[in-house]
All heavy atoms as atom14 arrays in JSON, in Angstrom:
{
  "sequence": "IAPRIVSSRSGDDQNPHLLNRPSVVQQRRRMQRMSSPAVAQAVILG",
  "atom14_mask": [
    [1, 1, 1, 1, 1, 1, 1, 1, 0, 0, 0, 0, 0, 0],
    [1, 1, 1, 1, 1, 0, 0, 0, 0, 0, 0, 0, 0, 0],
    [1, 1, 1, 1, 1, 1, 1, 0, 0, 0, 0, 0, 0, 0],
    [1, 1, 1, 1, 1, 1, 1, 1, 1, 1, 1, 0, 0, 0],
    [1, 1, 1, 1, 1, 1, 1, 1, 0, 0, 0, 0, 0, 0],
    [1, 1, 1, 1, 1, 1, 1, 0, 0, 0, 0, 0, 0, 0],
    [1, 1, 1, 1, 1, 1, 0, 0, 0, 0, 0, 0, 0, 0],
    [1, 1, 1, 1, 1, 1, 0, 0, 0, 0, 0, 0, 0, 0],
    [1, 1, 1, 1, 1, 1, 1, 1, 1, 1, 1, 0, 0, 0],
    [1, 1, 1, 1, 1, 1, 0, 0, 0, 0, 0, 0, 0, 0],
    [1, 1, 1, 1, 0, 0, 0, 0, 0, 0, 0, 0, 0, 0],
    [1, 1, 1, 1, 1, 1, 1, 1, 0, 0, 0, 0, 0, 0],
    [1, 1, 1, 1, 1, 1, 1, 1, 0, 0, 0, 0, 0, 0],
    [1, 1, 1, 1, 1, 1, 1, 1, 1, 0, 0, 0, 0, 0],
    [1, 1, 1, 1, 1, 1, 1, 1, 0, 0, 0, 0, 0, 0],
    [1, 1, 1, 1, 1, 1, 1, 0, 0, 0, 0, 0, 0, 0],
    [1, 1, 1, 1, 1, 1, 1, 1, 1, 1, 0, 0, 0, 0],
    [1, 1, 1, 1, 1, 1, 1, 1, 0, 0, 0, 0, 0, 0],
    [1, 1, 1, 1, 1, 1, 1, 1, 0, 0, 0, 0, 0, 0],
    [1, 1, 1, 1, 1, 1, 1, 1, 0, 0, 0, 0, 0, 0],
    [1, 1, 1, 1, 1, 1, 1, 1, 1, 1, 1, 0, 0, 0],
    [1, 1, 1, 1, 1, 1, 1, 0, 0, 0, 0, 0, 0, 0],
    [1, 1, 1, 1, 1, 1, 0, 0, 0, 0, 0, 0, 0, 0],
    [1, 1, 1, 1, 1, 1, 1, 0, 0, 0, 0, 0, 0, 0],
    [1, 1, 1, 1, 1, 1, 1, 0, 0, 0, 0, 0, 0, 0],
    [1, 1, 1, 1, 1, 1, 1, 1, 1, 0, 0, 0, 0, 0],
    [1, 1, 1, 1, 1, 1, 1, 1, 1, 0, 0, 0, 0, 0],
    [1, 1, 1, 1, 1, 1, 1, 1, 1, 1, 1, 0, 0, 0],
    [1, 1, 1, 1, 1, 1, 1, 1, 1, 1, 1, 0, 0, 0],
    [1, 1, 1, 1, 1, 1, 1, 1, 1, 1, 1, 0, 0, 0],
    [1, 1, 1, 1, 1, 1, 1, 1, 0, 0, 0, 0, 0, 0],
    [1, 1, 1, 1, 1, 1, 1, 1, 1, 0, 0, 0, 0, 0],
    [1, 1, 1, 1, 1, 1, 1, 1, 1, 1, 1, 0, 0, 0],
    [1, 1, 1, 1, 1, 1, 1, 1, 0, 0, 0, 0, 0, 0],
    [1, 1, 1, 1, 1, 1, 0, 0, 0, 0, 0, 0, 0, 0],
    [1, 1, 1, 1, 1, 1, 0, 0, 0, 0, 0, 0, 0, 0],
    [1, 1, 1, 1, 1, 1, 1, 0, 0, 0, 0, 0, 0, 0],
    [1, 1, 1, 1, 1, 0, 0, 0, 0, 0, 0, 0, 0, 0],
    [1, 1, 1, 1, 1, 1, 1, 0, 0, 0, 0, 0, 0, 0],
    [1, 1, 1, 1, 1, 0, 0, 0, 0, 0, 0, 0, 0, 0],
    [1, 1, 1, 1, 1, 1, 1, 1, 1, 0, 0, 0, 0, 0],
    [1, 1, 1, 1, 1, 0, 0, 0, 0, 0, 0, 0, 0, 0],
    [1, 1, 1, 1, 1, 1, 1, 0, 0, 0, 0, 0, 0, 0],
    [1, 1, 1, 1, 1, 1, 1, 1, 0, 0, 0, 0, 0, 0],
    [1, 1, 1, 1, 1, 1, 1, 1, 0, 0, 0, 0, 0, 0],
    [1, 1, 1, 1, 0, 0, 0, 0, 0, 0, 0, 0, 0, 0]
  ],
  "atom14_positions": [
    [[-42.8, 49.24, 237.1], [-43.28, 48.07, 237.85], [-42.77, 46.75, 237.24], [-42.84, 46.64, 235.99], [-44.78, 47.95, 237.91], [-45.36, 49.2, 238.67], [-45.28, 46.77, 238.65], [-46.92, 49.38, 238.62], [0.0, 0.0, 0.0], [0.0, 0.0, 0.0], [0.0, 0.0, 0.0], [0.0, 0.0, 0.0], [0.0, 0.0, 0.0], [0.0, 0.0, 0.0]],
    [[-42.22, 45.91, 238.01], [-41.77, 44.55, 237.53], [-42.63, 43.58, 238.08], [-42.7, 43.33, 239.32], [-40.25, 44.37, 238.03], [0.0, 0.0, 0.0], [0.0, 0.0, 0.0], [0.0, 0.0, 0.0], [0.0, 0.0, 0.0], [0.0, 0.0, 0.0], [0.0, 0.0, 0.0], [0.0, 0.0, 0.0], [0.0, 0.0, 0.0], [0.0, 0.0, 0.0]],
    [[-43.37, 42.84, 237.25], [-44.3, 41.84, 237.65], [-43.5, 40.52, 237.78], [-42.4, 40.37, 237.38], [-45.2, 41.71, 236.5], [-44.49, 42.05, 235.3], [-43.45, 43.05, 235.73], [0.0, 0.0, 0.0], [0.0, 0.0, 0.0], [0.0, 0.0, 0.0], [0.0, 0.0, 0.0], [0.0, 0.0, 0.0], [0.0, 0.0, 0.0], [0.0, 0.0, 0.0]],
    [[-44.18, 39.49, 238.31], [-43.67, 38.1, 238.18], [-43.72, 37.74, 236.69], [-44.79, 37.85, 236.01], [-44.47, 37.07, 239.07], [-44.13, 37.15, 240.52], [-45.1, 36.32, 241.31], [-45.27, 34.95, 240.76], [-44.44, 33.89, 240.98], [-43.35, 34.11, 241.7], [-44.67, 32.72, 240.43], [0.0, 0.0, 0.0], [0.0, 0.0, 0.0], [0.0, 0.0, 0.0]],
    [[-42.57, 37.26, 236.12], [-42.5, 36.75, 234.84], [-42.14, 35.2, 234.93], [-40.94, 34.94, 235.13], [-41.57, 37.48, 233.89], [-41.91, 39.03, 233.96], [-41.52, 36.96, 232.49], [-40.89, 39.88, 233.18], [0.0, 0.0, 0.0], [0.0, 0.0, 0.0], [0.0, 0.0, 0.0], [0.0, 0.0, 0.0], [0.0, 0.0, 0.0], [0.0, 0.0, 0.0]],
    [[-43.04, 34.36, 234.84], [-42.86, 32.97, 235.08], [-42.36, 32.2, 233.89], [-43.11, 32.21, 232.77], [-44.1, 32.3, 235.66], [-43.83, 30.83, 235.88], [-44.51, 33.01, 236.92], [0.0, 0.0, 0.0], [0.0, 0.0, 0.0], [0.0, 0.0, 0.0], [0.0, 0.0, 0.0], [0.0, 0.0, 0.0], [0.0, 0.0, 0.0], [0.0, 0.0, 0.0]],
    [[-41.23, 31.76, 233.83], [-40.64, 30.98, 232.63], [-41.32, 29.64, 232.51], [-41.47, 28.8, 233.38], [-39.2, 30.78, 232.85], [-38.64, 29.84, 231.85], [0.0, 0.0, 0.0], [0.0, 0.0, 0.0], [0.0, 0.0, 0.0], [0.0, 0.0, 0.0], [0.0, 0.0, 0.0], [0.0, 0.0, 0.0], [0.0, 0.0, 0.0], [0.0, 0.0, 0.0]],
    [[-41.83, 29.41, 231.22], [-42.42, 28.0, 231.01], [-41.27, 27.0, 230.95], [-41.71, 25.79, 230.98], [-43.22, 28.12, 229.69], [-42.34, 28.45, 228.57], [0.0, 0.0, 0.0], [0.0, 0.0, 0.0], [0.0, 0.0, 0.0], [0.0, 0.0, 0.0], [0.0, 0.0, 0.0], [0.0, 0.0, 0.0], [0.0, 0.0, 0.0], [0.0, 0.0, 0.0]],
    [[-40.08, 27.34, 230.74], [-39.05, 26.38, 230.71], [-38.63, 25.8, 232.06], [-38.58, 24.67, 232.27], [-37.74, 26.96, 230.01], [-37.87, 27.14, 228.51], [-36.66, 27.77, 228.03], [-36.68, 27.91, 226.49], [-35.97, 28.85, 225.82], [-35.24, 29.77, 226.46], [-36.01, 28.92, 224.43], [0.0, 0.0, 0.0], [0.0, 0.0, 0.0], [0.0, 0.0, 0.0]],
    [[-38.38, 26.69, 232.93], [-37.91, 26.37, 234.25], [-38.97, 26.48, 235.47], [-38.7, 25.95, 236.41], [-36.65, 27.23, 234.6], [-36.99, 28.53, 234.73], [0.0, 0.0, 0.0], [0.0, 0.0, 0.0], [0.0, 0.0, 0.0], [0.0, 0.0, 0.0], [0.0, 0.0, 0.0], [0.0, 0.0, 0.0], [0.0, 0.0, 0.0], [0.0, 0.0, 0.0]],
    [[-39.94, 27.34, 235.15], [-40.96, 27.58, 236.22], [-40.47, 28.7, 237.17], [-41.18, 29.03, 238.11], [0.0, 0.0, 0.0], [0.0, 0.0, 0.0], [0.0, 0.0, 0.0], [0.0, 0.0, 0.0], [0.0, 0.0, 0.0], [0.0, 0.0, 0.0], [0.0, 0.0, 0.0], [0.0, 0.0, 0.0], [0.0, 0.0, 0.0], [0.0, 0.0, 0.0]],
    [[-39.25, 29.3, 236.95], [-38.72, 30.25, 237.87], [-39.35, 31.65, 237.45], [-39.78, 31.9, 236.3], [-37.25, 30.35, 237.89], [-36.61, 30.78, 236.6], [-37.04, 30.35, 235.51], [-35.7, 31.58, 236.61], [0.0, 0.0, 0.0], [0.0, 0.0, 0.0], [0.0, 0.0, 0.0], [0.0, 0.0, 0.0], [0.0, 0.0, 0.0], [0.0, 0.0, 0.0]],
    [[-39.26, 32.55, 238.42], [-39.65, 33.95, 238.24], [-38.4, 34.71, 237.73], [-37.36, 34.73, 238.36], [-40.13, 34.5, 239.52], [-40.6, 35.95, 239.34], [-40.56, 36.52, 238.25], [-41.01, 36.51, 240.48], [0.0, 0.0, 0.0], [0.0, 0.0, 0.0], [0.0, 0.0, 0.0], [0.0, 0.0, 0.0], [0.0, 0.0, 0.0], [0.0, 0.0, 0.0]],
    [[-38.56, 35.45, 236.5], [-37.4, 36.08, 235.96], [-37.19, 37.41, 236.58], [-36.18, 38.08, 236.3], [-37.56, 36.17, 234.45], [-37.55, 34.76, 233.82], [-37.83, 34.83, 232.28], [-38.71, 35.46, 231.89], [-37.13, 34.01, 231.51], [0.0, 0.0, 0.0], [0.0, 0.0, 0.0], [0.0, 0.0, 0.0], [0.0, 0.0, 0.0], [0.0, 0.0, 0.0]],
    [[-38.04, 37.86, 237.39], [-37.79, 39.04, 238.2], [-37.51, 38.73, 239.65], [-38.03, 37.64, 240.09], [-39.04, 40.02, 238.15], [-38.94, 41.0, 236.96], [-37.89, 41.58, 236.82], [-40.02, 41.2, 236.34], [0.0, 0.0, 0.0], [0.0, 0.0, 0.0], [0.0, 0.0, 0.0], [0.0, 0.0, 0.0], [0.0, 0.0, 0.0], [0.0, 0.0, 0.0]],
    [[-36.89, 39.53, 240.38], [-36.18, 40.71, 239.91], [-34.96, 40.38, 239.04], [-34.27, 39.41, 239.29], [-35.64, 41.29, 241.24], [-36.4, 40.73, 242.3], [-36.76, 39.33, 241.89], [0.0, 0.0, 0.0], [0.0, 0.0, 0.0], [0.0, 0.0, 0.0], [0.0, 0.0, 0.0], [0.0, 0.0, 0.0], [0.0, 0.0, 0.0], [0.0, 0.0, 0.0]],
    [[-34.93, 41.11, 237.96], [-33.74, 40.99, 237.06], [-32.46, 41.21, 237.79], [-31.55, 40.5, 237.75], [-33.97, 41.85, 235.83], [-32.81, 41.79, 234.83], [-32.55, 40.66, 234.07], [-31.8, 42.7, 234.53], [-31.39, 40.92, 233.41], [-31.01, 42.08, 233.63], [0.0, 0.0, 0.0], [0.0, 0.0, 0.0], [0.0, 0.0, 0.0], [0.0, 0.0, 0.0]],
    [[-32.44, 42.42, 238.43], [-31.29, 42.71, 239.36], [-31.92, 43.33, 240.69], [-32.6, 44.3, 240.58], [-30.45, 43.71, 238.72], [-29.44, 43.27, 237.63], [-28.71, 44.34, 236.96], [-28.44, 42.23, 238.19], [0.0, 0.0, 0.0], [0.0, 0.0, 0.0], [0.0, 0.0, 0.0], [0.0, 0.0, 0.0], [0.0, 0.0, 0.0], [0.0, 0.0, 0.0]],
    [[-31.7, 42.73, 241.66], [-32.18, 43.16, 243.02], [-31.43, 44.5, 243.4], [-32.07, 45.4, 243.92], [-32.03, 42.04, 244.07], [-32.63, 42.32, 245.43], [-34.16, 42.51, 245.3], [-32.33, 41.24, 246.37], [0.0, 0.0, 0.0], [0.0, 0.0, 0.0], [0.0, 0.0, 0.0], [0.0, 0.0, 0.0], [0.0, 0.0, 0.0], [0.0, 0.0, 0.0]],
    [[-30.2, 44.44, 243.25], [-29.32, 45.71, 243.62], [-28.51, 46.14, 242.45], [-28.17, 45.37, 241.54], [-28.48, 45.29, 244.76], [-29.24, 44.86, 246.0], [-30.11, 45.46, 246.51], [-28.92, 43.57, 246.49], [0.0, 0.0, 0.0], [0.0, 0.0, 0.0], [0.0, 0.0, 0.0], [0.0, 0.0, 0.0], [0.0, 0.0, 0.0], [0.0, 0.0, 0.0]],
    [[-28.15, 47.35, 242.53], [-27.35, 47.95, 241.48], [-25.96, 47.28, 241.42], [-25.28, 47.08, 242.44], [-27.08, 49.48, 241.76], [-26.39, 50.12, 240.59], [-26.38, 51.59, 240.88], [-25.9, 52.4, 239.72], [-24.71, 52.92, 239.62], [-23.79, 52.72, 240.6], [-24.21, 53.56, 238.55], [0.0, 0.0, 0.0], [0.0, 0.0, 0.0], [0.0, 0.0, 0.0]],
    [[-25.49, 46.75, 240.21], [-24.28, 46.07, 240.17], [-23.03, 47.02, 240.36], [-23.14, 48.19, 240.06], [-24.2, 45.38, 238.81], [-25.17, 46.36, 237.98], [-26.15, 46.78, 238.95], [0.0, 0.0, 0.0], [0.0, 0.0, 0.0], [0.0, 0.0, 0.0], [0.0, 0.0, 0.0], [0.0, 0.0, 0.0], [0.0, 0.0, 0.0], [0.0, 0.0, 0.0]],
    [[-22.0, 46.52, 240.9], [-20.79, 47.33, 241.06], [-19.97, 47.35, 239.76], [-20.16, 46.53, 238.79], [-19.91, 46.8, 242.2], [-19.4, 45.55, 241.87], [0.0, 0.0, 0.0], [0.0, 0.0, 0.0], [0.0, 0.0, 0.0], [0.0, 0.0, 0.0], [0.0, 0.0, 0.0], [0.0, 0.0, 0.0], [0.0, 0.0, 0.0], [0.0, 0.0, 0.0]],
    [[-19.11, 48.21, 239.67], [-18.15, 48.2, 238.5], [-17.37, 46.94, 238.38], [-17.21, 46.32, 237.29], [-17.14, 49.43, 238.63], [-16.1, 49.4, 237.55], [-17.85, 50.79, 238.61], [0.0, 0.0, 0.0], [0.0, 0.0, 0.0], [0.0, 0.0, 0.0], [0.0, 0.0, 0.0], [0.0, 0.0, 0.0], [0.0, 0.0, 0.0], [0.0, 0.0, 0.0]],
    [[-16.97, 46.38, 239.51], [-16.21, 45.08, 239.61], [-17.11, 43.99, 239.0], [-16.65, 43.13, 238.23], [-15.84, 44.78, 241.0], [-15.21, 43.35, 241.02], [-14.74, 45.76, 241.45], [0.0, 0.0, 0.0], [0.0, 0.0, 0.0], [0.0, 0.0, 0.0], [0.0, 0.0, 0.0], [0.0, 0.0, 0.0], [0.0, 0.0, 0.0], [0.0, 0.0, 0.0]],
    [[-18.38, 43.9, 239.41], [-19.3, 42.92, 238.95], [-19.52, 43.05, 237.44], [-19.58, 42.07, 236.69], [-20.65, 43.07, 239.65], [-20.56, 42.56, 241.11], [-21.92, 42.9, 241.8], [-22.45, 43.95, 241.66], [-22.28, 41.91, 242.65], [0.0, 0.0, 0.0], [0.0, 0.0, 0.0], [0.0, 0.0, 0.0], [0.0, 0.0, 0.0], [0.0, 0.0, 0.0]],
    [[-19.69, 44.27, 236.95], [-19.87, 44.47, 235.51], [-18.59, 44.16, 234.73], [-18.67, 43.66, 233.63], [-20.2, 45.9, 235.22], [-21.68, 46.25, 235.72], [-22.69, 45.26, 235.07], [-23.3, 44.39, 235.63], [-22.99, 45.51, 233.77], [0.0, 0.0, 0.0], [0.0, 0.0, 0.0], [0.0, 0.0, 0.0], [0.0, 0.0, 0.0], [0.0, 0.0, 0.0]],
    [[-17.36, 44.34, 235.29], [-16.16, 44.01, 234.66], [-16.12, 42.52, 234.49], [-15.7, 41.94, 233.48], [-14.93, 44.55, 235.37], [-13.63, 44.29, 234.67], [-12.43, 44.72, 235.54], [-12.39, 46.15, 235.75], [-12.46, 46.58, 236.96], [-12.61, 45.83, 238.06], [-12.45, 47.9, 237.2], [0.0, 0.0, 0.0], [0.0, 0.0, 0.0], [0.0, 0.0, 0.0]],
    [[-16.42, 41.8, 235.58], [-16.44, 40.35, 235.49], [-17.42, 39.77, 234.45], [-17.04, 38.81, 233.83], [-16.8, 39.81, 236.87], [-15.62, 39.98, 238.01], [-16.12, 39.5, 239.3], [-15.15, 39.7, 240.3], [-15.39, 39.65, 241.6], [-16.54, 39.46, 242.1], [-14.34, 39.88, 242.53], [0.0, 0.0, 0.0], [0.0, 0.0, 0.0], [0.0, 0.0, 0.0]],
    [[-18.59, 40.4, 234.39], [-19.5, 40.0, 233.32], [-18.94, 40.2, 232.04], [-19.07, 39.4, 231.16], [-20.83, 40.73, 233.51], [-21.88, 40.41, 232.43], [-23.22, 40.85, 232.62], [-24.13, 40.58, 231.62], [-24.65, 39.48, 231.32], [-24.36, 38.48, 232.21], [-25.44, 39.26, 230.39], [0.0, 0.0, 0.0], [0.0, 0.0, 0.0], [0.0, 0.0, 0.0]],
    [[-18.31, 41.36, 231.77], [-17.7, 41.66, 230.42], [-16.66, 40.64, 230.1], [-16.57, 40.18, 228.99], [-17.15, 43.04, 230.42], [-16.5, 43.42, 229.12], [-15.91, 45.19, 229.22], [-14.55, 45.01, 230.43], [0.0, 0.0, 0.0], [0.0, 0.0, 0.0], [0.0, 0.0, 0.0], [0.0, 0.0, 0.0], [0.0, 0.0, 0.0], [0.0, 0.0, 0.0]],
    [[-15.93, 40.3, 231.16], [-14.77, 39.22, 230.92], [-15.45, 37.86, 230.6], [-14.92, 37.11, 229.74], [-13.95, 39.23, 232.1], [-13.07, 40.45, 232.4], [-12.41, 40.53, 233.75], [-12.75, 39.82, 234.65], [-11.45, 41.42, 233.82], [0.0, 0.0, 0.0], [0.0, 0.0, 0.0], [0.0, 0.0, 0.0], [0.0, 0.0, 0.0], [0.0, 0.0, 0.0]],
    [[-16.57, 37.53, 231.29], [-17.22, 36.28, 231.08], [-17.87, 36.18, 229.67], [-18.0, 35.1, 229.06], [-18.3, 36.02, 232.09], [-17.78, 35.69, 233.47], [-18.92, 35.54, 234.57], [-19.71, 34.35, 234.28], [-20.97, 34.37, 234.25], [-21.69, 35.48, 234.45], [-21.68, 33.33, 234.05], [0.0, 0.0, 0.0], [0.0, 0.0, 0.0], [0.0, 0.0, 0.0]],
    [[-18.3, 37.32, 229.14], [-18.86, 37.41, 227.86], [-17.91, 38.01, 226.78], [-18.21, 38.88, 226.08], [-20.16, 38.25, 227.89], [-21.1, 37.88, 229.0], [-22.04, 36.3, 228.66], [-23.22, 36.88, 227.54], [0.0, 0.0, 0.0], [0.0, 0.0, 0.0], [0.0, 0.0, 0.0], [0.0, 0.0, 0.0], [0.0, 0.0, 0.0], [0.0, 0.0, 0.0]],
    [[-16.69, 37.46, 226.8], [-15.57, 38.13, 226.01], [-15.7, 37.76, 224.52], [-15.08, 38.43, 223.73], [-14.33, 37.66, 226.58], [-14.15, 36.23, 226.55], [0.0, 0.0, 0.0], [0.0, 0.0, 0.0], [0.0, 0.0, 0.0], [0.0, 0.0, 0.0], [0.0, 0.0, 0.0], [0.0, 0.0, 0.0], [0.0, 0.0, 0.0], [0.0, 0.0, 0.0]],
    [[-16.49, 36.76, 224.19], [-16.46, 36.32, 222.75], [-17.82, 35.6, 222.5], [-18.36, 35.09, 223.53], [-15.29, 35.42, 222.35], [-15.44, 34.21, 222.95], [0.0, 0.0, 0.0], [0.0, 0.0, 0.0], [0.0, 0.0, 0.0], [0.0, 0.0, 0.0], [0.0, 0.0, 0.0], [0.0, 0.0, 0.0], [0.0, 0.0, 0.0], [0.0, 0.0, 0.0]],
    [[-18.27, 35.54, 221.3], [-19.51, 34.74, 221.03], [-19.46, 33.36, 221.55], [-20.48, 32.87, 222.1], [-19.61, 34.8, 219.49], [-18.97, 36.14, 219.17], [-17.77, 36.13, 220.07], [0.0, 0.0, 0.0], [0.0, 0.0, 0.0], [0.0, 0.0, 0.0], [0.0, 0.0, 0.0], [0.0, 0.0, 0.0], [0.0, 0.0, 0.0], [0.0, 0.0, 0.0]],
    [[-18.35, 32.68, 221.41], [-18.25, 31.25, 221.81], [-18.35, 31.16, 223.41], [-19.04, 30.29, 223.93], [-16.99, 30.62, 221.36], [0.0, 0.0, 0.0], [0.0, 0.0, 0.0], [0.0, 0.0, 0.0], [0.0, 0.0, 0.0], [0.0, 0.0, 0.0], [0.0, 0.0, 0.0], [0.0, 0.0, 0.0], [0.0, 0.0, 0.0], [0.0, 0.0, 0.0]],
    [[-17.68, 32.06, 224.12], [-17.73, 32.06, 225.6], [-19.14, 32.42, 225.99], [-19.62, 31.8, 226.96], [-16.74, 32.98, 226.09], [-16.87, 33.12, 227.64], [-15.35, 32.59, 225.76], [0.0, 0.0, 0.0], [0.0, 0.0, 0.0], [0.0, 0.0, 0.0], [0.0, 0.0, 0.0], [0.0, 0.0, 0.0], [0.0, 0.0, 0.0], [0.0, 0.0, 0.0]],
    [[-19.77, 33.41, 225.25], [-21.16, 33.77, 225.61], [-22.13, 32.61, 225.55], [-22.99, 32.43, 226.37], [-21.57, 34.85, 224.76], [0.0, 0.0, 0.0], [0.0, 0.0, 0.0], [0.0, 0.0, 0.0], [0.0, 0.0, 0.0], [0.0, 0.0, 0.0], [0.0, 0.0, 0.0], [0.0, 0.0, 0.0], [0.0, 0.0, 0.0], [0.0, 0.0, 0.0]],
    [[-21.93, 31.82, 224.52], [-22.88, 30.62, 224.37], [-22.67, 29.67, 225.47], [-23.61, 29.13, 226.05], [-22.56, 29.92, 222.98], [-23.43, 28.69, 222.74], [-24.96, 29.02, 222.65], [-25.35, 29.57, 221.66], [-25.63, 28.79, 223.83], [0.0, 0.0, 0.0], [0.0, 0.0, 0.0], [0.0, 0.0, 0.0], [0.0, 0.0, 0.0], [0.0, 0.0, 0.0]],
    [[-21.48, 29.37, 225.92], [-21.14, 28.56, 227.07], [-21.76, 29.11, 228.37], [-22.38, 28.28, 229.13], [-19.68, 28.4, 227.18], [0.0, 0.0, 0.0], [0.0, 0.0, 0.0], [0.0, 0.0, 0.0], [0.0, 0.0, 0.0], [0.0, 0.0, 0.0], [0.0, 0.0, 0.0], [0.0, 0.0, 0.0], [0.0, 0.0, 0.0], [0.0, 0.0, 0.0]],
    [[-21.72, 30.42, 228.52], [-22.42, 30.99, 229.69], [-23.86, 30.83, 229.66], [-24.5, 30.61, 230.69], [-21.98, 32.47, 229.79], [-22.78, 33.2, 230.84], [-20.46, 32.7, 229.98], [0.0, 0.0, 0.0], [0.0, 0.0, 0.0], [0.0, 0.0, 0.0], [0.0, 0.0, 0.0], [0.0, 0.0, 0.0], [0.0, 0.0, 0.0], [0.0, 0.0, 0.0]],
    [[-24.46, 30.97, 228.52], [-25.91, 30.87, 228.41], [-26.35, 29.44, 228.87], [-27.31, 29.26, 229.55], [-26.41, 31.12, 226.93], [-26.25, 32.62, 226.77], [-27.87, 30.69, 226.8], [-26.32, 32.98, 225.17], [0.0, 0.0, 0.0], [0.0, 0.0, 0.0], [0.0, 0.0, 0.0], [0.0, 0.0, 0.0], [0.0, 0.0, 0.0], [0.0, 0.0, 0.0]],
    [[-25.64, 28.43, 228.34], [-25.99, 27.09, 228.66], [-25.75, 26.69, 230.1], [-26.62, 26.06, 230.73], [-25.15, 26.09, 227.73], [-25.46, 26.15, 226.27], [-24.5, 25.21, 225.49], [-26.96, 25.75, 225.94], [0.0, 0.0, 0.0], [0.0, 0.0, 0.0], [0.0, 0.0, 0.0], [0.0, 0.0, 0.0], [0.0, 0.0, 0.0], [0.0, 0.0, 0.0]],
    [[-24.73, 27.2, 230.61], [-24.43, 27.11, 232.13], [-25.51, 27.79, 232.99], [-26.03, 27.19, 233.96], [0.0, 0.0, 0.0], [0.0, 0.0, 0.0], [0.0, 0.0, 0.0], [0.0, 0.0, 0.0], [0.0, 0.0, 0.0], [0.0, 0.0, 0.0], [0.0, 0.0, 0.0], [0.0, 0.0, 0.0], [0.0, 0.0, 0.0], [0.0, 0.0, 0.0]]
  ]
}
C-alpha cells in the first residue's frame, strides 16, 4: 500500500512514486542523466 506522503518542503504528494512501469528506454535515459555525481547533483536541484 502506498499512502499519501506529503512533503513539508513543497507540499506535494510523493506518491505515486511511479504510476506505470518504466520502459527500458526510460531507464536508459535516467542512467544517462545520472551519469556522474556532478550531473546527479544538477538533476536533483532541477
